[in-house]
Amino acid sequence: MRTKNPTTRPRKLPIARRDGIAPVSQSAEYALRVMTCLARGDQIARTAIDLAAEASVPVHYLSKVLRRLVAAGLLSSQKGHGGGFVLARPASKIRFADILGAMGEAPVGGRCAFGWGKCDAKNPCPLHPAWSALSDALQSWAGDTTLADVAAGATHKKPRRRG
């Protein structure tokens, strides 16, 4: 039988460090990044390579994202010399909800986070109040925020990484 040595401390388990919890998938985040880059430009066609560098997105991954944004009618593309990608409509007419929808992540309410299928205020699951608040905030953010809103406040400098 082993006894605990009172002088030894319990071993701490490593905790994975993250920059935070993203409310959307990496693909949707990349789409938001590249659309913001295009919105703060001057409607000059930009290549996937240039956009990948500016948005810090792997170019092979970005190509897939760009195809989905073109298919959704949010971007226009032109091949050849002088070609590239531009916004298909004014930045003030493109909501985050449109971009998320193009990536298959349109925020929708009514989903039960506890897995009960359907819950509501009359028949709430244990997570219903907190989950509803998060869902409502995400829907409001995505529906009310346009590319023009973020492009107006965006700077062209990359933030310095700490650490």
C-alpha atoms as a PDB file:
ATOM      1  CA  MET A   1       0.000   0.000   0.000  1.00  0.00           C
ATOM      2  CA  ARG A   2       1.360   3.378  -0.997  1.00  0.00           C
ATOM      3  CA  THR A   3       0.997   6.338   1.251  1.00  0.00           C
ATOM      4  CA  LYS A   4       1.118   9.928   0.178  1.00  0.00           C
ATOM      5  CA  ASN A   5       4.201  11.842   1.035  1.00  0.00           C
ATOM      6  CA  PRO A   6       2.938  15.068   2.652  1.00  0.00           C
ATOM      7  CA  THR A   7       5.862  17.056   1.218  1.00  0.00           C
ATOM      8  CA  THR A   8       5.093  16.324  -2.425  1.00  0.00           C
ATOM      9  CA  ARG A   9       2.663  18.545  -4.228  1.00  0.00           C
ATOM     10  CA  PRO A  10      -0.077  17.201  -6.452  1.00  0.00           C
ATOM     11  CA  ARG A  11       0.991  17.173 -10.059  1.00  0.00           C
ATOM     12  CA  LYS A  12      -0.630  19.878 -12.165  1.00  0.00           C
ATOM     13  CA  LEU A  13      -2.076  18.753 -15.441  1.00  0.00           C
ATOM     14  CA  PRO A  14      -1.155  20.855 -18.458  1.00  0.00           C
ATOM     15  CA  ILE A  15      -3.948  23.022 -19.776  1.00  0.00           C
ATOM     16  CA  ALA A  16      -4.006  23.784 -23.474  1.00  0.00           C
ATOM     17  CA  ARG A  17      -3.619  27.484 -24.089  1.00  0.00           C
ATOM     18  CA  ARG A  18      -5.857  29.072 -26.658  1.00  0.00           C
ATOM     19  CA  ASP A  19      -6.367  32.612 -27.799  1.00  0.00           C
ATOM     20  CA  GLY A  20     -10.041  32.306 -26.929  1.00  0.00           C
ATOM     21  CA  ILE A  21     -13.119  30.473 -28.038  1.00  0.00           C
ATOM     22  CA  ALA A  22     -14.197  31.265 -31.566  1.00  0.00           C
ATOM     23  CA  PRO A  23     -17.952  31.507 -32.107  1.00  0.00           C
ATOM     24  CA  VAL A  24     -17.531  30.262 -35.693  1.00  0.00           C
ATOM     25  CA  SER A  25     -15.489  27.650 -37.542  1.00  0.00           C
ATOM     26  CA  GLN A  26     -12.045  28.362 -38.915  1.00  0.00           C
ATOM     27  CA  SER A  27     -13.453  28.453 -42.461  1.00  0.00           C
ATOM     28  CA  ALA A  28     -16.016  31.070 -41.476  1.00  0.00           C
ATOM     29  CA  GLU A  29     -13.348  33.073 -39.651  1.00  0.00           C
ATOM     30  CA  TYR A  30     -11.152  32.999 -42.758  1.00  0.00           C
ATOM     31  CA  ALA A  31     -14.116  34.142 -44.860  1.00  0.00           C
ATOM     32  CA  LEU A  32     -14.745  37.065 -42.502  1.00  0.00           C
ATOM     33  CA  ARG A  33     -11.044  37.995 -42.646  1.00  0.00           C
ATOM     34  CA  VAL A  34     -10.757  37.965 -46.434  1.00  0.00           C
ATOM     35  CA  MET A  35     -14.055  39.797 -46.939  1.00  0.00           C
ATOM     36  CA  THR A  36     -12.885  42.490 -44.517  1.00  0.00           C
ATOM     37  CA  CYS A  37      -9.615  42.805 -46.456  1.00  0.00           C
ATOM     38  CA  LEU A  38     -11.564  43.293 -49.674  1.00  0.00           C
ATOM     39  CA  ALA A  39     -13.992  45.739 -48.064  1.00  0.00           C
ATOM     40  CA  ARG A  40     -11.257  48.061 -46.914  1.00  0.00           C
ATOM     41  CA  GLY A  41      -9.680  48.103 -50.359  1.00  0.00           C
ATOM     42  CA  ASP A  42     -10.554  50.278 -53.294  1.00  0.00           C
ATOM     43  CA  GLN A  43     -12.428  47.679 -55.389  1.00  0.00           C
ATOM     44  CA  ILE A  44      -9.275  46.695 -57.249  1.00  0.00           C
ATOM     45  CA  ALA A  45      -9.244  42.981 -58.037  1.00  0.00           C
ATOM     46  CA  ARG A  46      -6.998  41.097 -55.625  1.00  0.00           C
ATOM     47  CA  THR A  47      -5.438  37.700 -56.222  1.00  0.00           C
ATOM     48  CA  ALA A  48      -5.906  34.770 -53.864  1.00  0.00           C
ATOM     49  CA  ILE A  49      -2.180  34.878 -53.092  1.00  0.00           C
ATOM     50  CA  ASP A  50      -2.328  38.556 -52.083  1.00  0.00           C
ATOM     51  CA  LEU A  51      -5.471  38.005 -50.008  1.00  0.00           C
ATOM     52  CA  ALA A  52      -3.971  34.959 -48.303  1.00  0.00           C
ATOM     53  CA  ALA A  53      -0.923  36.957 -47.253  1.00  0.00           C
ATOM     54  CA  GLU A  54      -2.957  39.922 -45.996  1.00  0.00           C
ATOM     55  CA  ALA A  55      -5.499  37.793 -44.130  1.00  0.00           C
ATOM     56  CA  SER A  56      -2.912  35.305 -42.791  1.00  0.00           C
ATOM     57  CA  VAL A  57      -4.709  32.344 -44.340  1.00  0.00           C
ATOM     58  CA  PRO A  58      -3.062  29.408 -46.138  1.00  0.00           C
ATOM     59  CA  VAL A  59      -3.624  30.008 -49.863  1.00  0.00           C
ATOM     60  CA  HIS A  60      -4.803  26.444 -50.608  1.00  0.00           C
ATOM     61  CA  TYR A  61      -7.405  26.733 -47.851  1.00  0.00           C
ATOM     62  CA  LEU A  62      -8.410  30.227 -48.950  1.00  0.00           C
ATOM     63  CA  SER A  63      -9.109  29.024 -52.494  1.00  0.00           C
ATOM     64  CA  LYS A  64     -11.895  26.804 -51.157  1.00  0.00           C
ATOM     65  CA  VAL A  65     -13.314  29.670 -49.098  1.00  0.00           C
ATOM     66  CA  LEU A  66     -13.206  32.049 -52.075  1.00  0.00           C
ATOM     67  CA  ARG A  67     -15.066  29.550 -54.294  1.00  0.00           C
ATOM     68  CA  ARG A  68     -17.883  29.373 -51.730  1.00  0.00           C
ATOM     69  CA  LEU A  69     -18.070  33.162 -51.463  1.00  0.00           C
ATOM     70  CA  VAL A  70     -18.269  33.481 -55.261  1.00  0.00           C
ATOM     71  CA  ALA A  71     -20.966  30.779 -55.436  1.00  0.00           C
ATOM     72  CA  ALA A  72     -22.978  32.691 -52.805  1.00  0.00           C
ATOM     73  CA  GLY A  73     -22.822  35.875 -54.889  1.00  0.00           C
ATOM     74  CA  LEU A  74     -20.716  37.783 -52.357  1.00  0.00           C
ATOM     75  CA  LEU A  75     -17.599  37.968 -54.540  1.00  0.00           C
ATOM     76  CA  SER A  76     -16.996  38.375 -58.233  1.00  0.00           C
ATOM     77  CA  SER A  77     -13.949  36.805 -59.801  1.00  0.00           C
ATOM     78  CA  GLN A  78     -12.137  37.307 -63.044  1.00  0.00           C
ATOM     79  CA  LYS A  79      -9.386  35.132 -64.459  1.00  0.00           C
ATOM     80  CA  GLY A  80      -6.325  36.284 -66.320  1.00  0.00           C
ATOM     81  CA  HIS A  81      -4.067  39.318 -66.236  1.00  0.00           C
ATOM     82  CA  GLY A  82      -5.539  41.976 -63.955  1.00  0.00           C
ATOM     83  CA  GLY A  83      -8.028  39.466 -62.611  1.00  0.00           C
ATOM     84  CA  GLY A  84      -8.788  38.497 -59.074  1.00  0.00           C
ATOM     85  CA  PHE A  85     -11.577  38.938 -56.562  1.00  0.00           C
ATOM     86  CA  VAL A  86     -13.756  41.930 -55.700  1.00  0.00           C
ATOM     87  CA  LEU A  87     -16.889  42.361 -53.621  1.00  0.00           C
ATOM     88  CA  ALA A  88     -19.995  41.618 -55.678  1.00  0.00           C
ATOM     89  CA  ARG A  89     -21.942  44.406 -53.981  1.00  0.00           C
ATOM     90  CA  PRO A  90     -21.167  47.365 -51.696  1.00  0.00           C
ATOM     91  CA  ALA A  91     -19.650  46.531 -48.312  1.00  0.00           C
ATOM     92  CA  SER A  92     -22.614  48.210 -46.615  1.00  0.00           C
ATOM     93  CA  LYS A  93     -24.902  45.597 -48.207  1.00  0.00           C
ATOM     94  CA  ILE A  94     -22.939  42.538 -47.048  1.00  0.00           C
ATOM     95  CA  ARG A  95     -23.813  41.411 -43.531  1.00  0.00           C
ATOM     96  CA  PHE A  96     -21.773  38.966 -41.496  1.00  0.00           C
ATOM     97  CA  ALA A  97     -24.837  36.702 -41.605  1.00  0.00           C
ATOM     98  CA  ASP A  98     -24.458  36.565 -45.416  1.00  0.00           C
ATOM     99  CA  ILE A  99     -20.823  35.510 -45.096  1.00  0.00           C
ATOM    100  CA  LEU A 100     -21.554  32.928 -42.417  1.00  0.00           C
ATOM    101  CA  GLY A 101     -24.435  31.606 -44.513  1.00  0.00           C
ATOM    102  CA  ALA A 102     -22.110  31.189 -47.497  1.00  0.00           C
ATOM    103  CA  MET A 103     -19.878  29.065 -45.286  1.00  0.00           C
ATOM    104  CA  GLY A 104     -22.814  26.968 -44.074  1.00  0.00           C
ATOM    105  CA  GLU A 105     -22.952  28.587 -40.669  1.00  0.00           C
ATOM    106  CA  ALA A 106     -25.951  30.856 -40.714  1.00  0.00           C
ATOM    107  CA  PRO A 107     -26.797  31.510 -37.068  1.00  0.00           C
ATOM    108  CA  VAL A 108     -30.129  29.932 -36.234  1.00  0.00           C
ATOM    109  CA  GLY A 109     -32.076  29.864 -33.009  1.00  0.00           C
ATOM    110  CA  GLY A 110     -34.098  27.124 -31.436  1.00  0.00           C
ATOM    111  CA  ARG A 111     -31.357  24.515 -31.233  1.00  0.00           C
ATOM    112  CA  CYS A 112     -31.134  22.785 -27.868  1.00  0.00           C
ATOM    113  CA  ALA A 113     -27.561  22.824 -26.555  1.00  0.00           C
ATOM    114  CA  PHE A 114     -28.362  19.966 -24.195  1.00  0.00           C
ATOM    115  CA  GLY A 115     -29.405  17.676 -27.033  1.00  0.00           C
ATOM    116  CA  TRP A 116     -33.097  17.462 -26.199  1.00  0.00           C
ATOM    117  CA  GLY A 117     -34.052  18.327 -29.758  1.00  0.00           C
ATOM    118  CA  LYS A 118     -36.325  21.253 -28.989  1.00  0.00           C
ATOM    119  CA  CYS A 119     -36.493  23.289 -25.812  1.00  0.00           C
ATOM    120  CA  ASP A 120     -37.940  26.700 -25.046  1.00  0.00           C
ATOM    121  CA  ALA A 121     -38.797  28.954 -22.116  1.00  0.00           C
ATOM    122  CA  LYS A 122     -41.746  26.726 -21.162  1.00  0.00           C
ATOM    123  CA  ASN A 123     -39.741  23.503 -21.419  1.00  0.00           C
ATOM    124  CA  PRO A 124     -36.131  24.613 -20.896  1.00  0.00           C
ATOM    125  CA  CYS A 125     -33.101  22.378 -20.780  1.00  0.00           C
ATOM    126  CA  PRO A 126     -30.499  23.147 -18.080  1.00  0.00           C
ATOM    127  CA  LEU A 127     -28.473  25.263 -20.554  1.00  0.00           C
ATOM    128  CA  HIS A 128     -31.428  27.052 -22.165  1.00  0.00           C
ATOM    129  CA  PRO A 129     -31.116  30.521 -20.562  1.00  0.00           C
ATOM    130  CA  ALA A 130     -27.360  30.823 -21.137  1.00  0.00           C
ATOM    131  CA  TRP A 131     -27.464  29.228 -24.604  1.00  0.00           C
ATOM    132  CA  SER A 132     -30.353  31.456 -25.679  1.00  0.00           C
ATOM    133  CA  ALA A 133     -28.447  34.572 -24.620  1.00  0.00           C
ATOM    134  CA  LEU A 134     -25.407  33.481 -26.628  1.00  0.00           C
ATOM    135  CA  SER A 135     -27.515  32.526 -29.656  1.00  0.00           C
ATOM    136  CA  ASP A 136     -29.432  35.816 -29.571  1.00  0.00           C
ATOM    137  CA  ALA A 137     -26.198  37.812 -29.294  1.00  0.00           C
ATOM    138  CA  LEU A 138     -24.625  35.917 -32.210  1.00  0.00           C
ATOM    139  CA  GLN A 139     -27.714  36.382 -34.388  1.00  0.00           C
ATOM    140  CA  SER A 140     -27.831  40.091 -33.587  1.00  0.00           C
ATOM    141  CA  TRP A 141     -24.098  40.537 -34.259  1.00  0.00           C
ATOM    142  CA  ALA A 142     -24.223  38.652 -37.559  1.00  0.00           C
ATOM    143  CA  GLY A 143     -27.434  40.308 -38.744  1.00  0.00           C
ATOM    144  CA  ASP A 144     -26.527  43.866 -37.780  1.00  0.00           C
ATOM    145  CA  THR A 145     -22.812  44.029 -38.636  1.00  0.00           C
ATOM    146  CA  THR A 146     -21.787  44.780 -42.212  1.00  0.00           C
ATOM    147  CA  LEU A 147     -18.407  44.754 -43.886  1.00  0.00           C
ATOM    148  CA  ALA A 148     -18.605  48.541 -44.073  1.00  0.00           C
ATOM    149  CA  ASP A 149     -18.869  48.671 -40.266  1.00  0.00           C
ATOM    150  CA  VAL A 150     -15.623  46.788 -39.735  1.00  0.00           C
ATOM    151  CA  ALA A 151     -13.741  48.147 -42.748  1.00  0.00           C
ATOM    152  CA  ALA A 152     -14.226  51.711 -41.506  1.00  0.00           C
ATOM    153  CA  GLY A 153     -12.435  50.914 -38.256  1.00  0.00           C
ATOM    154  CA  ALA A 154      -9.838  48.516 -39.645  1.00  0.00           C
ATOM    155  CA  THR A 155      -6.202  49.478 -39.817  1.00  0.00           C
ATOM    156  CA  HIS A 156      -3.773  48.167 -42.377  1.00  0.00           C
ATOM    157  CA  LYS A 157      -1.188  47.230 -39.763  1.00  0.00           C
ATOM    158  CA  LYS A 158      -0.997  43.747 -38.349  1.00  0.00           C
ATOM    159  CA  PRO A 159      -1.120  43.661 -34.546  1.00  0.00           C
ATOM    160  CA  ARG A 160       2.081  42.569 -32.886  1.00  0.00           C
ATOM    161  CA  ARG A 161       1.904  39.158 -31.288  1.00  0.00           C
ATOM    162  CA  ARG A 162       2.696  38.983 -27.622  1.00  0.00           C
ATOM    163  CA  GLY A 163       4.763  36.349 -26.027  1.00  0.00           C
END
